[in-house]
C-alpha atoms as a PDB file:
ATOM      1  CA  MET A   1       2.395  -5.795  -7.101  1.00  0.00           C
ATOM      2  CA  ALA A   2       2.413  -9.469  -6.172  1.00  0.00           C
ATOM      3  CA  THR A   3       3.423 -10.036  -2.555  1.00  0.00           C
ATOM      4  CA  ASP A   4       3.193 -12.768   0.008  1.00  0.00           C
ATOM      5  CA  SER A   5      -0.185 -12.367   1.718  1.00  0.00           C
ATOM      6  CA  GLN A   6       1.206 -12.591   5.243  1.00  0.00           C
ATOM      7  CA  MET A   7       3.816  -9.947   4.490  1.00  0.00           C
ATOM      8  CA  SER A   8       1.308  -7.594   2.939  1.00  0.00           C
ATOM      9  CA  LYS A   9      -1.354  -7.657   5.683  1.00  0.00           C
ATOM     10  CA  GLY A  10       0.326  -5.119   7.947  1.00  0.00           C
ATOM     11  CA  VAL A  11       1.603  -3.109   5.015  1.00  0.00           C
ATOM     12  CA  LEU A  12      -1.882  -2.785   3.557  1.00  0.00           C
ATOM     13  CA  GLU A  13      -3.197  -1.492   6.876  1.00  0.00           C
ATOM     14  CA  GLY A  14      -0.511   1.183   6.976  1.00  0.00           C
ATOM     15  CA  CYS A  15      -1.219   2.193   3.389  1.00  0.00           C
ATOM     16  CA  ILE A  16      -4.958   2.497   4.048  1.00  0.00           C
ATOM     17  CA  LEU A  17      -4.301   4.614   7.128  1.00  0.00           C
ATOM     18  CA  ARG A  18      -1.999   6.889   5.125  1.00  0.00           C
ATOM     19  CA  LEU A  19      -4.525   7.323   2.318  1.00  0.00           C
ATOM     20  CA  LEU A  20      -7.116   8.430   4.876  1.00  0.00           C
ATOM     21  CA  LYS A  21      -4.840  10.781   6.800  1.00  0.00           C
ATOM     22  CA  ASP A  22      -5.965  14.083   5.296  1.00  0.00           C
ATOM     23  CA  ASP A  23      -9.148  13.501   3.314  1.00  0.00           C
ATOM     24  CA  TYR A  24     -12.463  11.689   3.550  1.00  0.00           C
ATOM     25  CA  ARG A  25     -12.527   8.899   0.979  1.00  0.00           C
ATOM     26  CA  TYR A  26     -15.000   6.183   0.079  1.00  0.00           C
ATOM     27  CA  SER A  27     -14.098   2.582  -0.711  1.00  0.00           C
ATOM     28  CA  GLY A  28     -13.961   3.008  -4.497  1.00  0.00           C
ATOM     29  CA  GLU A  29     -11.468   5.846  -4.173  1.00  0.00           C
ATOM     30  CA  ILE A  30      -9.302   3.821  -1.814  1.00  0.00           C
ATOM     31  CA  VAL A  31      -9.223   0.839  -4.185  1.00  0.00           C
ATOM     32  CA  ALA A  32      -8.373   3.093  -7.146  1.00  0.00           C
ATOM     33  CA  LEU A  33      -5.546   4.785  -5.233  1.00  0.00           C
ATOM     34  CA  MET A  34      -4.106   1.469  -4.080  1.00  0.00           C
ATOM     35  CA  ARG A  35      -4.151   0.146  -7.657  1.00  0.00           C
ATOM     36  CA  ALA A  36      -2.645   3.371  -9.015  1.00  0.00           C
ATOM     37  CA  ASN A  37       0.201   2.997  -6.542  1.00  0.00           C
ATOM     38  CA  GLY A  38       1.183  -0.517  -7.586  1.00  0.00           C
ATOM     39  CA  PHE A  39      -1.198  -2.775  -5.662  1.00  0.00           C
ATOM     40  CA  THR A  40      -2.746  -3.923  -8.938  1.00  0.00           C
ATOM     41  CA  ASP A  41      -4.598  -6.907  -7.476  1.00  0.00           C
ATOM     42  CA  PHE A  42      -6.094  -4.912  -4.583  1.00  0.00           C
ATOM     43  CA  SER A  43      -9.886  -5.259  -4.449  1.00  0.00           C
ATOM     44  CA  GLU A  44     -12.883  -4.235  -2.390  1.00  0.00           C
ATOM     45  CA  GLY A  45     -12.888  -7.807  -1.062  1.00  0.00           C
ATOM     46  CA  THR A  46      -9.516  -7.051   0.497  1.00  0.00           C
ATOM     47  CA  LEU A  47     -10.488  -3.566   1.614  1.00  0.00           C
ATOM     48  CA  TYR A  48     -13.782  -4.149   3.422  1.00  0.00           C
ATOM     49  CA  PRO A  49     -12.467  -6.432   6.196  1.00  0.00           C
ATOM     50  CA  LEU A  50      -9.634  -3.952   6.817  1.00  0.00           C
ATOM     51  CA  LEU A  51     -12.019  -1.011   6.978  1.00  0.00           C
ATOM     52  CA  LEU A  52     -14.352  -2.866   9.329  1.00  0.00           C
ATOM     53  CA  ARG A  53     -11.541  -3.857  11.690  1.00  0.00           C
ATOM     54  CA  LEU A  54      -9.967  -0.401  11.700  1.00  0.00           C
ATOM     55  CA  GLU A  55     -13.321   1.312  12.178  1.00  0.00           C
ATOM     56  CA  LYS A  56     -14.123  -0.948  15.162  1.00  0.00           C
ATOM     57  CA  ALA A  57     -10.746   0.021  16.637  1.00  0.00           C
ATOM     58  CA  GLY A  58     -11.802   3.678  16.499  1.00  0.00           C
ATOM     59  CA  TYR A  59      -9.302   4.749  13.844  1.00  0.00           C
ATOM     60  CA  PHE A  60     -11.827   6.536  11.590  1.00  0.00           C
ATOM     61  CA  ASP A  61     -14.259   9.376  11.580  1.00  0.00           C
ATOM     62  CA  THR A  62     -17.008   8.521   9.102  1.00  0.00           C
ATOM     63  CA  LEU A  63     -19.756  10.292   7.275  1.00  0.00           C
ATOM     64  CA  ARG A  64     -22.455   9.224   4.870  1.00  0.00           C
ATOM     65  CA  GLN A  65     -23.271  11.248   1.816  1.00  0.00           C
ATOM     66  CA  ALA A  66     -26.293  10.801  -0.418  1.00  0.00           C
ATOM     67  CA  THR A  67     -25.750   9.986  -4.078  1.00  0.00           C
ATOM     68  CA  ASN A  68     -28.095   9.955  -7.056  1.00  0.00           C
ATOM     69  CA  ASN A  69     -30.022   6.709  -7.496  1.00  0.00           C
ATOM     70  CA  SER A  70     -27.906   4.675  -5.089  1.00  0.00           C
ATOM     71  CA  PRO A  71     -27.461   4.212  -1.361  1.00  0.00           C
ATOM     72  CA  PRO A  72     -25.442   6.845   0.506  1.00  0.00           C
ATOM     73  CA  LYS A  73     -21.677   6.400   0.317  1.00  0.00           C
ATOM     74  CA  LYS A  74     -19.706   5.962   3.498  1.00  0.00           C
ATOM     75  CA  TYR A  75     -16.584   8.114   3.690  1.00  0.00           C
ATOM     76  CA  TYR A  76     -13.622   7.488   6.017  1.00  0.00           C
ATOM     77  CA  LYS A  77     -10.970   9.776   7.453  1.00  0.00           C
ATOM     78  CA  LEU A  78      -8.482   9.204  10.270  1.00  0.00           C
ATOM     79  CA  SER A  79      -9.588  10.026  13.791  1.00  0.00           C
ATOM     80  CA  ALA A  80      -7.127  11.140  16.467  1.00  0.00           C
ATOM     81  CA  GLU A  81      -6.638   7.458  17.372  1.00  0.00           C
ATOM     82  CA  GLY A  82      -6.054   6.650  13.707  1.00  0.00           C
ATOM     83  CA  ARG A  83      -3.412   9.355  13.435  1.00  0.00           C
ATOM     84  CA  GLU A  84      -1.609   7.863  16.421  1.00  0.00           C
ATOM     85  CA  ARG A  85      -1.815   4.369  14.863  1.00  0.00           C
ATOM     86  CA  LEU A  86      -0.420   5.747  11.593  1.00  0.00           C
ATOM     87  CA  LYS A  87       2.439   7.439  13.441  1.00  0.00           C
ATOM     88  CA  ASN A  88       3.283   4.130  15.158  1.00  0.00           C
ATOM     89  CA  PHE A  89       3.102   2.275  11.838  1.00  0.00           C
ATOM     90  CA  GLU A  90       5.405   4.792  10.156  1.00  0.00           C
ATOM     91  CA  ASN A  91       7.989   4.389  12.935  1.00  0.00           C
ATOM     92  CA  MET A  92       7.821   0.589  12.763  1.00  0.00           C
ATOM     93  CA  TRP A  93       8.002   0.698   8.968  1.00  0.00           C
ATOM     94  CA  LEU A  94      11.097   2.915   8.946  1.00  0.00           C
ATOM     95  CA  ASP A  95      12.809   0.633  11.468  1.00  0.00           C
ATOM     96  CA  LEU A  96      11.939  -2.437   9.394  1.00  0.00           C
ATOM     97  CA  VAL A  97      13.137  -0.876   6.129  1.00  0.00           C
ATOM     98  CA  LEU A  98      16.407   0.144   7.768  1.00  0.00           C
ATOM     99  CA  SER A  99      16.979  -3.342   9.151  1.00  0.00           C
ATOM    100  CA  VAL A 100      16.177  -5.072   5.856  1.00  0.00           C
ATOM    101  CA  ASN A 101      18.345  -2.631   3.904  1.00  0.00           C
ATOM    102  CA  ASN A 102      21.188  -3.237   6.340  1.00  0.00           C
ATOM    103  CA  ILE A 103      21.018  -6.954   5.657  1.00  0.00           C
ATOM    104  CA  PHE A 104      20.647  -6.690   1.891  1.00  0.00           C
ATOM    105  CA  ASN A 105      23.311  -4.021   1.504  1.00  0.00           C
ATOM    106  CA  THR A 106      26.116  -5.427   3.643  1.00  0.00           C
ATOM    107  CA  PRO A 107      29.081  -7.055   1.873  1.00  0.00           C
ATOM    108  CA  ALA A 108      28.841 -10.091   4.172  1.00  0.00           C
ATOM    109  CA  SER A 109      25.233 -10.778   3.241  1.00  0.00           C
ATOM    110  CA  ARG A 110      26.025 -10.501  -0.478  1.00  0.00           C
ATOM    111  CA  GLU A 111      28.987 -12.867  -0.071  1.00  0.00           C
ATOM    112  CA  ASN A 112      26.901 -15.375   1.899  1.00  0.00           C
ATOM    113  CA  SER A 113      24.226 -15.190  -0.779  1.00  0.00           C
ATOM    114  CA  ARG A 114      26.733 -16.093  -3.498  1.00  0.00           C
ATOM    115  CA  THR A 115      28.107 -18.929  -1.373  1.00  0.00           C
ATOM    116  CA  ASP A 116      24.613 -20.286  -0.705  1.00  0.00           C
ATOM    117  CA  ASP A 117      23.791 -20.121  -4.414  1.00  0.00           C
ATOM    118  CA  ASN A 118      26.827 -22.278  -5.207  1.00  0.00           C
ATOM    119  CA  ASN A 119      26.096 -24.802  -2.471  1.00  0.00           C
ATOM    120  CA  THR A 120      24.606 -27.951  -3.980  1.00  0.00           C
ATOM    121  CA  GLY A 121      23.804 -29.513  -0.669  1.00  0.00           C
ATOM    122  CA  GLU A 122      26.324 -32.308  -1.237  1.00  0.00           C
ATOM    123  CA  THR A 123      28.673 -33.248   1.577  1.00  0.00           C
ATOM    124  CA  ASP A 124      32.430 -33.147   1.233  1.00  0.00           C
ATOM    125  CA  ASN A 125      33.843 -36.675   0.898  1.00  0.00           C
ATOM    126  CA  ASN A 126      36.949 -35.654   2.848  1.00  0.00           C
ATOM    127  CA  GLU A 127      34.963 -35.089   6.040  1.00  0.00           C
ATOM    128  CA  THR A 128      35.272 -37.748   8.730  1.00  0.00           C
END
């Protein structure tokens, strides 16, 4: 999904929090889940700064697990603080979606959109 980067920053945080709500996951799993859910250009380069910031804020419980022939993997799951942050995000998200849907689904906004589309920016010669 291609989105404006400013718009997606907060949304990505909420999505990461949600993915880590119930299970420990490592970075590769998170990237795969984000891509599978429509964030096709999501990468570890996007994920790592988010994980670092959220971990510093105390939103994760972490554990390291040894793997064969590679460094231990770090797994993340929401802490109590992370669950509270997710709850706040979900409330803000629902409010935002409702507000945006109200604007896009009102007859007045559709009418104004059609009027704006027909406006060429030229001034009326009859105006004084």
